[in-house]
Protein backbone atom coordinates (compact mmCIF):
# COMPACT_ATOMS: atom_id res chain seq x y z
CA UNK A 1 110.90 122.59 105.93
CA UNK A 2 111.25 119.17 106.06
CA UNK A 3 114.43 117.62 104.56
CA UNK A 4 113.52 116.43 101.38
CA UNK A 5 111.64 119.69 99.89
CA UNK A 6 115.02 121.06 101.44
CA UNK A 7 116.81 119.50 98.76
CA UNK A 8 114.51 120.21 96.07
CA UNK A 9 114.00 124.26 96.95
CA UNK A 10 117.46 125.08 98.59
CA UNK A 11 119.61 124.09 95.69
CA UNK A 12 121.07 127.20 96.02
CA UNK A 13 121.99 127.38 99.79
CA UNK A 14 124.23 123.97 100.49
CA UNK A 15 125.56 124.08 96.70
CA UNK A 16 128.20 121.42 97.16
CA UNK A 17 125.96 118.86 98.60
CA UNK A 18 122.63 119.84 96.14
CA UNK A 19 124.48 119.60 93.38
CA UNK A 20 125.15 116.11 93.63
CA UNK A 21 121.26 115.79 92.87
CA UNK A 22 118.67 115.23 90.45
CA UNK A 23 114.71 115.03 91.09
CA UNK A 24 111.60 114.96 89.55
CA UNK A 25 108.70 115.51 91.18
CA UNK A 26 104.77 114.98 89.50
CA UNK A 27 101.55 116.23 91.16
CA UNK A 28 98.36 114.96 90.26
CA UNK A 29 94.90 117.31 91.15
CA UNK A 30 91.66 116.27 91.32
CA UNK A 31 88.47 118.07 91.24
CA UNK A 32 88.61 119.10 94.96
CA UNK A 33 92.12 120.16 95.10
CA UNK A 34 93.02 116.60 96.72
CA UNK A 35 95.65 114.38 94.86
CA UNK A 36 99.03 112.86 95.07
CA UNK A 37 102.46 113.55 94.83
CA UNK A 38 105.25 111.27 93.27
CA UNK A 39 108.66 112.42 94.13
CA UNK A 40 111.79 110.63 92.50
CA UNK A 41 115.43 112.12 93.92
CA UNK A 42 118.56 110.82 92.76
CA UNK A 43 121.40 111.32 94.90
CA UNK A 44 125.43 111.14 93.18
CA UNK A 45 127.86 108.95 94.97
CA UNK A 46 129.91 111.89 95.20
CA UNK A 47 127.33 113.42 97.95
CA UNK A 48 129.35 110.82 100.56
CA UNK A 49 132.38 112.45 99.73
CA UNK A 50 131.67 115.68 99.36
CA UNK A 51 129.52 115.66 102.37
CA UNK A 52 132.20 115.13 104.47
CA UNK A 53 134.49 117.93 103.45
CA UNK A 54 135.05 120.59 106.29
CA UNK A 55 132.07 122.85 107.23
CA UNK A 56 129.10 120.05 105.72
CA UNK A 57 129.34 117.42 108.38
CA UNK A 58 126.12 118.73 109.69
CA UNK A 59 124.06 117.81 106.62
CA UNK A 60 123.22 114.11 106.20
CA UNK A 61 124.26 112.14 103.63
CA UNK A 62 120.90 110.62 102.53
CA UNK A 63 118.91 113.74 103.45
CA UNK A 64 115.49 111.66 103.81
CA UNK A 65 114.88 108.04 105.08
CA UNK A 66 111.53 106.44 105.25
CA UNK A 67 111.25 107.28 108.92
CA UNK A 68 111.69 111.12 108.79
CA UNK A 69 109.61 111.06 105.78
CA UNK A 70 107.11 109.28 108.28
CA UNK A 71 107.71 111.81 111.21
CA UNK A 72 107.11 114.57 108.66
CA UNK A 73 103.55 113.63 107.32
CA UNK A 74 102.24 112.80 111.08
CA UNK A 75 102.38 115.99 111.89
CA UNK A 76 100.30 117.50 108.64
CA UNK A 77 96.25 116.61 108.79
CA UNK A 78 95.26 115.09 105.74
CA UNK A 79 98.94 113.45 104.22
CA UNK A 80 99.37 110.17 103.85
CA UNK A 81 102.23 108.07 102.64
CA UNK A 82 101.43 105.57 100.01
CA UNK A 83 104.92 103.63 99.01
CA UNK A 84 108.52 104.57 99.52
CA UNK A 85 111.31 102.81 98.49
CA UNK A 86 115.13 102.77 97.69
CA UNK A 87 117.51 101.28 94.89
CA UNK A 88 120.90 101.50 93.63
CA UNK A 89 121.32 102.75 89.66
CA UNK A 90 124.92 102.92 88.79
CA UNK A 91 127.18 105.42 91.21
CA UNK A 92 123.61 106.58 91.88
CA UNK A 93 120.86 106.27 94.62
CA UNK A 94 117.02 106.34 93.90
CA UNK A 95 114.48 107.08 96.17
CA UNK A 96 111.00 107.07 95.45
CA UNK A 97 108.21 108.69 97.22
CA UNK A 98 104.68 108.43 96.48
CA UNK A 99 102.04 110.52 99.00
CA UNK A 100 98.39 111.37 99.17
CA UNK A 101 97.09 114.85 99.94
CA UNK A 102 93.37 115.73 101.24
CA UNK A 103 93.48 119.07 100.00
CA UNK A 104 95.81 121.55 98.96
CA UNK A 105 96.68 123.01 102.71
CA UNK A 106 98.28 119.83 103.32
CA UNK A 107 100.16 119.83 100.14
CA UNK A 108 101.47 123.10 100.82
CA UNK A 109 102.48 122.35 104.12
CA UNK A 110 104.42 119.51 102.78
CA UNK A 111 105.80 121.39 100.20
CA UNK A 112 107.27 124.25 102.67
CA UNK A 113 105.41 125.11 105.99
CA UNK A 114 106.94 128.69 106.04
CA UNK A 115 104.93 129.58 102.67
CA UNK A 116 108.44 130.73 101.33
CA UNK A 117 109.22 128.46 98.63
CA UNK A 118 105.84 127.40 97.89
CA UNK A 119 102.64 129.78 97.50
CA UNK A 120 99.44 129.11 97.12
CA UNK A 121 96.43 131.20 96.38
CA UNK A 122 92.99 130.70 94.85
CA UNK A 123 89.82 132.34 94.13
CA UNK A 124 86.62 131.76 92.46
CA UNK A 125 87.81 131.89 89.05
CA UNK A 126 91.38 130.41 89.12
CA UNK A 127 94.10 129.04 91.19
CA UNK A 128 97.82 129.82 91.63
CA UNK A 129 100.75 127.46 92.84
CA UNK A 130 104.22 128.98 92.21
CA UNK A 131 107.24 126.76 93.63
CA UNK A 132 110.90 129.07 94.15
CA UNK A 133 113.17 126.71 92.28
CA UNK A 134 116.44 129.26 92.63
CA UNK A 135 116.64 132.59 94.23
CA UNK A 136 119.59 133.75 91.86
CA UNK A 137 123.25 134.14 92.28
CA UNK A 138 124.67 136.33 94.57
CA UNK A 139 128.07 135.56 95.04
CA UNK A 140 130.65 134.34 92.44
CA UNK A 141 133.73 132.03 92.36
CA UNK A 142 135.13 130.58 89.59
CA UNK A 143 136.87 127.80 90.71
CA UNK A 144 133.66 126.50 92.65
CA UNK A 145 131.25 127.43 89.69
CA UNK A 146 133.70 124.76 87.41
CA UNK A 147 133.22 122.10 89.96
CA UNK A 148 129.32 122.80 90.61
CA UNK A 149 129.54 122.61 86.35
CA UNK A 150 131.32 119.46 86.59
CA UNK A 151 129.51 117.50 89.11
CA UNK A 152 126.19 118.66 88.12
CA UNK A 153 126.21 117.36 84.73
CA UNK A 154 123.59 114.54 83.57
CA UNK A 155 121.32 115.68 86.58
CA UNK A 156 117.71 117.59 86.08
CA UNK A 157 115.08 119.05 87.90
CA UNK A 158 111.72 117.71 86.62
CA UNK A 159 108.36 119.17 87.58
CA UNK A 160 104.77 118.40 86.21
CA UNK A 161 101.52 119.04 87.40
CA UNK A 162 98.17 117.19 86.42
CA UNK A 163 95.06 119.54 86.25
CA UNK A 164 91.54 118.28 86.75
CA UNK A 165 91.07 119.37 83.20
CA UNK A 166 93.64 121.88 82.22
CA UNK A 167 96.22 124.73 83.07
CA UNK A 168 99.41 126.52 82.57
CA UNK A 169 102.92 126.63 83.73
CA UNK A 170 104.94 129.37 83.18
CA UNK A 171 108.54 130.24 84.30
CA UNK A 172 109.32 133.34 85.99
CA UNK A 173 112.65 135.16 87.31
CA UNK A 174 112.38 136.08 90.69
CA UNK A 175 110.86 139.93 89.75
CA UNK A 176 108.09 137.64 87.97
CA UNK A 177 109.45 138.51 84.65
CA UNK A 178 108.97 135.15 82.02
CA UNK A 179 111.74 133.11 81.25
CA UNK A 180 113.01 132.66 77.37
CA UNK A 181 113.28 129.01 76.29
CA UNK A 182 117.05 129.70 75.34
CA UNK A 183 117.48 130.49 79.18
CA UNK A 184 115.53 127.56 80.57
CA UNK A 185 116.49 125.09 78.11
CA UNK A 186 114.09 122.51 76.84
CA UNK A 187 111.46 120.46 78.50
CA UNK A 188 108.79 123.40 79.00
CA UNK A 189 105.17 121.88 78.40
CA UNK A 190 103.58 125.11 78.90
CA UNK A 191 99.61 124.73 78.36
CA UNK A 192 97.12 121.02 78.84
CA UNK A 193 95.89 119.20 81.14
CA UNK A 194 99.38 118.09 82.17
CA UNK A 195 102.16 120.81 82.35
CA UNK A 196 105.28 120.36 83.44
CA UNK A 197 109.36 121.47 82.71
CA UNK A 198 112.35 119.71 82.76
CA UNK A 199 115.48 121.71 83.79
CA UNK A 200 119.54 121.20 83.73
CA UNK A 201 120.57 121.26 87.01
CA UNK A 202 123.07 123.36 86.08
CA UNK A 203 120.42 125.99 84.44
CA UNK A 204 118.89 125.89 88.11
CA UNK A 205 121.79 126.39 89.69
CA UNK A 206 123.41 129.42 87.46
CA UNK A 207 120.14 131.30 87.18
CA UNK A 208 121.38 135.05 87.86
CA UNK A 209 117.76 135.78 88.26
CA UNK A 210 116.57 133.07 89.69
CA UNK A 211 113.53 130.95 88.53
CA UNK A 212 110.13 130.19 89.79
CA UNK A 213 107.53 127.59 88.42
CA UNK A 214 104.02 129.08 88.86
CA UNK A 215 101.05 126.73 88.26
CA UNK A 216 98.05 128.34 87.02
CA UNK A 217 94.07 126.33 86.83
């Protein structure tokens, strides 16, 4: 998986680093399944100090630079970088990327070439793209949990998809059961030409049963 989407999909693997991030991803599909994907991710200034703690030195402070991104998409037929820019906002660094994909395979290879965190299935009557946001909590540590809740405050995971006509978005746990709104929080637009969800990062980090976003069109 490329480094950019490792930040989105592996929130529970490196909680000390990823808890300092907010992500906003927006996919626009054309009728032939080509389209664009725009991504903004917000990196907290705390990331640098936490990233330098013992055991975290191997992980980059800024996960993706333009060169890294260009190398990634150069290996994926049908992917093209349209724009890339960074700016500071308060104590955060904002990275904005916009890419074009020629078909659904290019998009899936960019999201997750392993097919574990991003899964596509399609047929003559319907298509489905599932993104695994969290695989669930396996271990708990009260002291670490308190820190994570504190530093994740104010950060969100926002994912949207615009369809050629209309579609549906469902939020499910890791066993395929629907998540109720009182668990996932506000910000769900489940049907329409554009669907989206906006989850507090804390909700994603502490989802005991995991969270997947399932787009159907």
